[in-house]
Amino acid sequence: MTDSSLVAHRTSRRRAVTVGAVGGALLLCAVVLGVWILNRGPEPFAVDEAWNRGMIDVDGAGFDTLAMFLNVAGGVLASSLIVPGVAIAVLLYQRRPWSVGYLVASLVLSALFVQALKHLFGRARPEDILVVSDYGSYPSGHVANAATLAAILVVLHPRIWTAIAASVWVVIMALSRTYLHAHWLSDTLGGALVGVGIALACAAFMAERLRGERRPGRAVPAG
């Protein structure tokens, strides 16, 4: 290994460790927030109550349709099957099998982590919920799914426009969940922490393989 390649390898390792540390810190924050919520008892945070009341006062005739669409789009069928299926097909066409593995591992681990926290903390949802949902308000599974997919997109295609689009997607999903009173505001924060944290942790674990698939001439098949 030449000096330049050795330096590049060490730099890559340091970046992977940093990314993994950030991912782990975000997951820890999600757990700490859940413990805080559990220790407070059934009463939501003041900011949660204020935000929930604000959503009631919003006159969102146009947002109703979008929120209901996102309720379906962020569910299991769309966010865990249809969208990942399309992404997997594209990545396989580009001959990026490690990226496929990264995507699948991130989504599966994120979903498992969300369900574990939901059953661990068992937080009650807002009473004025407008949709049917599963057990446990914290963290938001819809936002966690959105954040996981968003972080995966940025990891696999690190561009400014992907980061902006990914951030907007997560924010809109969070707004829709609180607009439908399916979650408290802090639930959406927890979901975002889980989604991004899992995606970054998995990216750090598979960093070398993913970096190899991003090299020029490796991503798109000849011809």
Foldseek 3Di string as FASTA:
>chain_A
DDPVVVVVVVVLLVVLVVLQVLLVVLLVVLVVVLVVPLVVPQDDDPQLVVLLVVLVPDPPPPVVVVLVVLVVCLDCCNLVPVVLVVVLVLQVQQVQVVLNVLLNQLQVVLLVSQVVSQVVRFHDFDPQAQDDDDTGQAADSSLLSLLQVLLSQCLLPVDPVSNVVSVVSSVSNLVSCSSNSSHGSVNSSSSNSSNNSSSSNSCSVCVVSSVVCPDPPRRHDDD
